[in-house]
Amino acid sequence: MSERYEYVPHRFLRRRVRDVASGVEGELMAVINENVSDTGIDRWMELAYIRGASGREFTTAIANVVPAYDQPKTADGRRDQRSA
């Protein structure tokens, strides 16, 4: 019988991240390669465990995780160079 999970190192661990699927931000606590299958056939996925502002952790696919500071700038957020 194989293990049901294993920890995976990630460069965003203990950093503020955003889940693009839900838009929720929090701290990346762990990335775990988990067997998510409930049948006899293994199905492994890398899941990100993110602790939100409420203190509760939630999971999402690691592909959905981006740094929280990596947000597109809006027109209001940009400085108008002509008025400087």
N, C-alpha and C. Protein backbone atom coordinates (compact mmCIF):
# COMPACT_ATOMS: atom_id res chain seq x y z
N MET A 1 0.84 -1.19 0.00
CA MET A 1 0.00 0.00 0.00
C MET A 1 0.88 1.24 0.00
N SER A 2 0.57 2.20 -0.86
CA SER A 2 1.38 3.42 -0.95
C SER A 2 0.89 4.47 0.05
N GLU A 3 1.77 5.42 0.32
CA GLU A 3 1.39 6.52 1.21
C GLU A 3 0.25 7.31 0.60
N ARG A 4 -0.56 7.92 1.44
CA ARG A 4 -1.69 8.73 0.97
C ARG A 4 -1.31 10.17 0.72
N TYR A 5 -0.12 10.59 1.19
CA TYR A 5 0.31 11.96 0.97
C TYR A 5 1.81 12.09 1.18
N GLU A 6 2.37 13.20 0.64
CA GLU A 6 3.76 13.56 0.90
C GLU A 6 3.89 15.07 0.75
N TYR A 7 4.70 15.68 1.63
CA TYR A 7 4.93 17.11 1.57
C TYR A 7 5.83 17.47 0.41
N VAL A 8 5.56 18.61 -0.22
CA VAL A 8 6.32 19.07 -1.38
C VAL A 8 6.87 20.46 -1.08
N PRO A 9 8.16 20.69 -1.28
CA PRO A 9 8.70 22.04 -1.07
C PRO A 9 8.14 23.00 -2.13
N HIS A 10 7.95 24.25 -1.75
CA HIS A 10 7.43 25.25 -2.68
C HIS A 10 7.99 26.61 -2.33
N ARG A 11 8.25 27.43 -3.33
CA ARG A 11 8.88 28.73 -3.09
C ARG A 11 7.96 29.74 -2.40
N PHE A 12 6.66 29.52 -2.41
CA PHE A 12 5.72 30.45 -1.77
C PHE A 12 5.35 30.07 -0.33
N LEU A 13 5.94 29.00 0.21
CA LEU A 13 5.61 28.60 1.58
C LEU A 13 5.82 29.74 2.55
N ARG A 14 4.86 29.90 3.46
CA ARG A 14 4.88 30.95 4.49
C ARG A 14 4.83 32.36 3.90
N ARG A 15 4.33 32.49 2.68
CA ARG A 15 4.17 33.80 2.04
C ARG A 15 2.71 34.04 1.73
N ARG A 16 2.37 35.30 1.54
CA ARG A 16 1.00 35.67 1.22
C ARG A 16 0.71 35.33 -0.23
N VAL A 17 -0.37 34.58 -0.45
CA VAL A 17 -0.75 34.14 -1.79
C VAL A 17 -2.24 34.38 -2.02
N ARG A 18 -2.64 34.24 -3.26
CA ARG A 18 -4.05 34.38 -3.64
C ARG A 18 -4.46 33.15 -4.43
N ASP A 19 -5.62 32.62 -4.11
CA ASP A 19 -6.22 31.52 -4.86
C ASP A 19 -7.01 32.15 -6.00
N VAL A 20 -6.58 31.96 -7.24
CA VAL A 20 -7.24 32.61 -8.37
C VAL A 20 -8.65 32.05 -8.60
N ALA A 21 -8.92 30.83 -8.16
CA ALA A 21 -10.25 30.24 -8.34
C ALA A 21 -11.30 30.94 -7.48
N SER A 22 -10.93 31.30 -6.24
CA SER A 22 -11.89 31.92 -5.33
C SER A 22 -11.61 33.40 -5.08
N GLY A 23 -10.38 33.85 -5.35
CA GLY A 23 -10.00 35.22 -5.08
C GLY A 23 -9.59 35.46 -3.63
N VAL A 24 -9.58 34.42 -2.81
CA VAL A 24 -9.25 34.55 -1.39
C VAL A 24 -7.74 34.58 -1.21
N GLU A 25 -7.28 35.47 -0.31
CA GLU A 25 -5.86 35.58 -0.01
C GLU A 25 -5.58 34.99 1.36
N GLY A 26 -4.35 34.54 1.54
CA GLY A 26 -3.92 34.00 2.81
C GLY A 26 -2.47 33.58 2.75
N GLU A 27 -2.03 32.84 3.76
CA GLU A 27 -0.65 32.39 3.84
C GLU A 27 -0.57 30.92 3.42
N LEU A 28 0.35 30.62 2.51
CA LEU A 28 0.53 29.24 2.07
C LEU A 28 1.22 28.46 3.17
N MET A 29 0.52 27.51 3.75
CA MET A 29 1.04 26.74 4.89
C MET A 29 1.73 25.46 4.46
N ALA A 30 1.25 24.81 3.41
CA ALA A 30 1.85 23.55 2.97
C ALA A 30 1.39 23.24 1.55
N VAL A 31 2.22 22.47 0.86
CA VAL A 31 1.84 21.87 -0.41
C VAL A 31 2.02 20.38 -0.22
N ILE A 32 0.97 19.65 -0.47
CA ILE A 32 0.99 18.21 -0.22
C ILE A 32 0.52 17.47 -1.47
N ASN A 33 1.31 16.49 -1.87
CA ASN A 33 0.94 15.60 -2.97
C ASN A 33 0.07 14.51 -2.36
N GLU A 34 -1.24 14.58 -2.64
CA GLU A 34 -2.19 13.68 -2.00
C GLU A 34 -2.85 12.75 -3.00
N ASN A 35 -3.11 11.55 -2.54
CA ASN A 35 -3.91 10.62 -3.31
C ASN A 35 -5.37 10.96 -3.00
N VAL A 36 -6.04 11.57 -3.96
CA VAL A 36 -7.40 12.06 -3.73
C VAL A 36 -8.47 11.08 -4.21
N SER A 37 -8.03 9.91 -4.62
CA SER A 37 -8.95 8.91 -5.13
C SER A 37 -9.72 8.23 -4.00
N ASP A 38 -10.98 7.96 -4.24
CA ASP A 38 -11.75 7.15 -3.29
C ASP A 38 -12.07 5.79 -3.92
N THR A 39 -11.40 5.50 -5.04
CA THR A 39 -11.54 4.19 -5.68
C THR A 39 -10.22 3.46 -5.55
N GLY A 40 -10.09 2.33 -6.19
CA GLY A 40 -8.86 1.55 -6.13
C GLY A 40 -7.75 2.09 -7.00
N ILE A 41 -8.06 3.02 -7.89
CA ILE A 41 -7.06 3.59 -8.81
C ILE A 41 -6.53 4.89 -8.21
N ASP A 42 -5.19 4.96 -8.05
CA ASP A 42 -4.57 6.15 -7.46
C ASP A 42 -4.75 7.37 -8.37
N ARG A 43 -5.05 8.50 -7.75
CA ARG A 43 -5.13 9.79 -8.45
C ARG A 43 -4.45 10.81 -7.55
N TRP A 44 -3.24 11.20 -7.93
CA TRP A 44 -2.43 12.10 -7.11
C TRP A 44 -2.57 13.53 -7.59
N MET A 45 -2.66 14.46 -6.64
CA MET A 45 -2.77 15.89 -6.92
C MET A 45 -1.93 16.67 -5.93
N GLU A 46 -1.31 17.75 -6.39
CA GLU A 46 -0.63 18.65 -5.47
C GLU A 46 -1.63 19.69 -4.99
N LEU A 47 -1.93 19.64 -3.69
CA LEU A 47 -2.89 20.55 -3.09
C LEU A 47 -2.16 21.58 -2.24
N ALA A 48 -2.60 22.82 -2.36
CA ALA A 48 -2.07 23.91 -1.53
C ALA A 48 -3.00 24.10 -0.35
N TYR A 49 -2.42 24.20 0.84
CA TYR A 49 -3.17 24.50 2.05
C TYR A 49 -2.92 25.95 2.39
N ILE A 50 -3.97 26.77 2.32
CA ILE A 50 -3.85 28.21 2.53
C ILE A 50 -4.65 28.59 3.77
N ARG A 51 -4.02 29.34 4.68
CA ARG A 51 -4.70 29.83 5.88
C ARG A 51 -5.19 31.24 5.59
N GLY A 52 -6.50 31.41 5.59
CA GLY A 52 -7.12 32.70 5.33
C GLY A 52 -7.10 33.61 6.54
N ALA A 53 -7.65 34.80 6.40
CA ALA A 53 -7.68 35.80 7.47
C ALA A 53 -8.44 35.31 8.69
N SER A 54 -9.40 34.42 8.50
CA SER A 54 -10.20 33.90 9.61
C SER A 54 -9.42 32.89 10.45
N GLY A 55 -8.28 32.42 9.93
CA GLY A 55 -7.50 31.41 10.62
C GLY A 55 -7.79 30.00 10.15
N ARG A 56 -8.83 29.84 9.36
CA ARG A 56 -9.17 28.52 8.82
C ARG A 56 -8.39 28.27 7.54
N GLU A 57 -7.99 27.02 7.37
CA GLU A 57 -7.27 26.64 6.16
C GLU A 57 -8.22 26.04 5.14
N PHE A 58 -7.90 26.27 3.88
CA PHE A 58 -8.66 25.67 2.80
C PHE A 58 -7.66 25.14 1.77
N THR A 59 -8.13 24.26 0.91
CA THR A 59 -7.26 23.68 -0.10
C THR A 59 -7.68 24.13 -1.48
N THR A 60 -6.70 24.15 -2.36
CA THR A 60 -6.92 24.42 -3.77
C THR A 60 -5.79 23.76 -4.54
N ALA A 61 -5.96 23.60 -5.82
CA ALA A 61 -4.88 23.06 -6.64
C ALA A 61 -3.72 24.06 -6.64
N ILE A 62 -2.50 23.55 -6.58
CA ILE A 62 -1.34 24.44 -6.54
C ILE A 62 -1.26 25.31 -7.80
N ALA A 63 -1.82 24.86 -8.89
CA ALA A 63 -1.84 25.66 -10.12
C ALA A 63 -2.67 26.93 -9.97
N ASN A 64 -3.55 26.99 -8.97
CA ASN A 64 -4.39 28.17 -8.74
C ASN A 64 -3.72 29.21 -7.84
N VAL A 65 -2.52 28.95 -7.36
CA VAL A 65 -1.88 29.82 -6.37
C VAL A 65 -0.91 30.77 -7.04
N VAL A 66 -1.09 32.07 -6.75
CA VAL A 66 -0.17 33.11 -7.23
C VAL A 66 0.20 33.99 -6.05
N PRO A 67 1.34 34.70 -6.13
CA PRO A 67 1.68 35.62 -5.04
C PRO A 67 0.60 36.70 -4.91
N ALA A 68 0.29 37.11 -3.70
CA ALA A 68 -0.77 38.10 -3.48
C ALA A 68 -0.39 39.46 -4.03
N TYR A 69 0.89 39.78 -4.07
CA TYR A 69 1.30 41.08 -4.60
C TYR A 69 1.23 41.12 -6.12
N ASP A 70 1.01 39.98 -6.76
CA ASP A 70 0.97 39.89 -8.21
C ASP A 70 -0.43 40.17 -8.73
N GLN A 71 -0.92 41.37 -8.45
CA GLN A 71 -2.27 41.73 -8.88
C GLN A 71 -2.17 42.79 -9.98
N PRO A 72 -3.02 42.69 -10.97
CA PRO A 72 -2.97 43.68 -12.05
C PRO A 72 -3.31 45.06 -11.54
N LYS A 73 -2.60 46.05 -12.07
CA LYS A 73 -2.86 47.43 -11.66
C LYS A 73 -4.08 47.95 -12.41
N THR A 74 -4.90 48.70 -11.69
CA THR A 74 -6.07 49.31 -12.32
C THR A 74 -5.72 50.72 -12.75
N ALA A 75 -6.59 51.33 -13.51
CA ALA A 75 -6.34 52.69 -13.98
C ALA A 75 -6.22 53.65 -12.80
N ASP A 76 -7.00 53.43 -11.73
CA ASP A 76 -6.93 54.30 -10.55
C ASP A 76 -5.61 54.14 -9.81
N GLY A 77 -5.00 52.95 -9.89
CA GLY A 77 -3.77 52.68 -9.17
C GLY A 77 -2.53 53.21 -9.86
N ARG A 78 -2.64 53.56 -11.12
CA ARG A 78 -1.48 54.07 -11.86
C ARG A 78 -1.39 55.57 -11.71
N ARG A 79 -0.18 56.04 -11.68
CA ARG A 79 0.04 57.48 -11.59
C ARG A 79 0.03 58.07 -12.99
N ASP A 80 -0.67 59.16 -13.17
CA ASP A 80 -0.72 59.83 -14.45
C ASP A 80 0.57 60.63 -14.62
N GLN A 81 1.42 60.21 -15.53
CA GLN A 81 2.72 60.84 -15.72
C GLN A 81 2.58 62.27 -16.26
N ARG A 82 1.49 62.58 -16.96
CA ARG A 82 1.32 63.92 -17.54
C ARG A 82 1.03 64.97 -16.48
N SER A 83 0.46 64.56 -15.35
CA SER A 83 0.11 65.54 -14.32
C SER A 83 1.24 65.75 -13.32
N ALA A 84 2.35 65.04 -13.48
CA ALA A 84 3.45 65.14 -12.51
C ALA A 84 4.24 66.40 -12.68
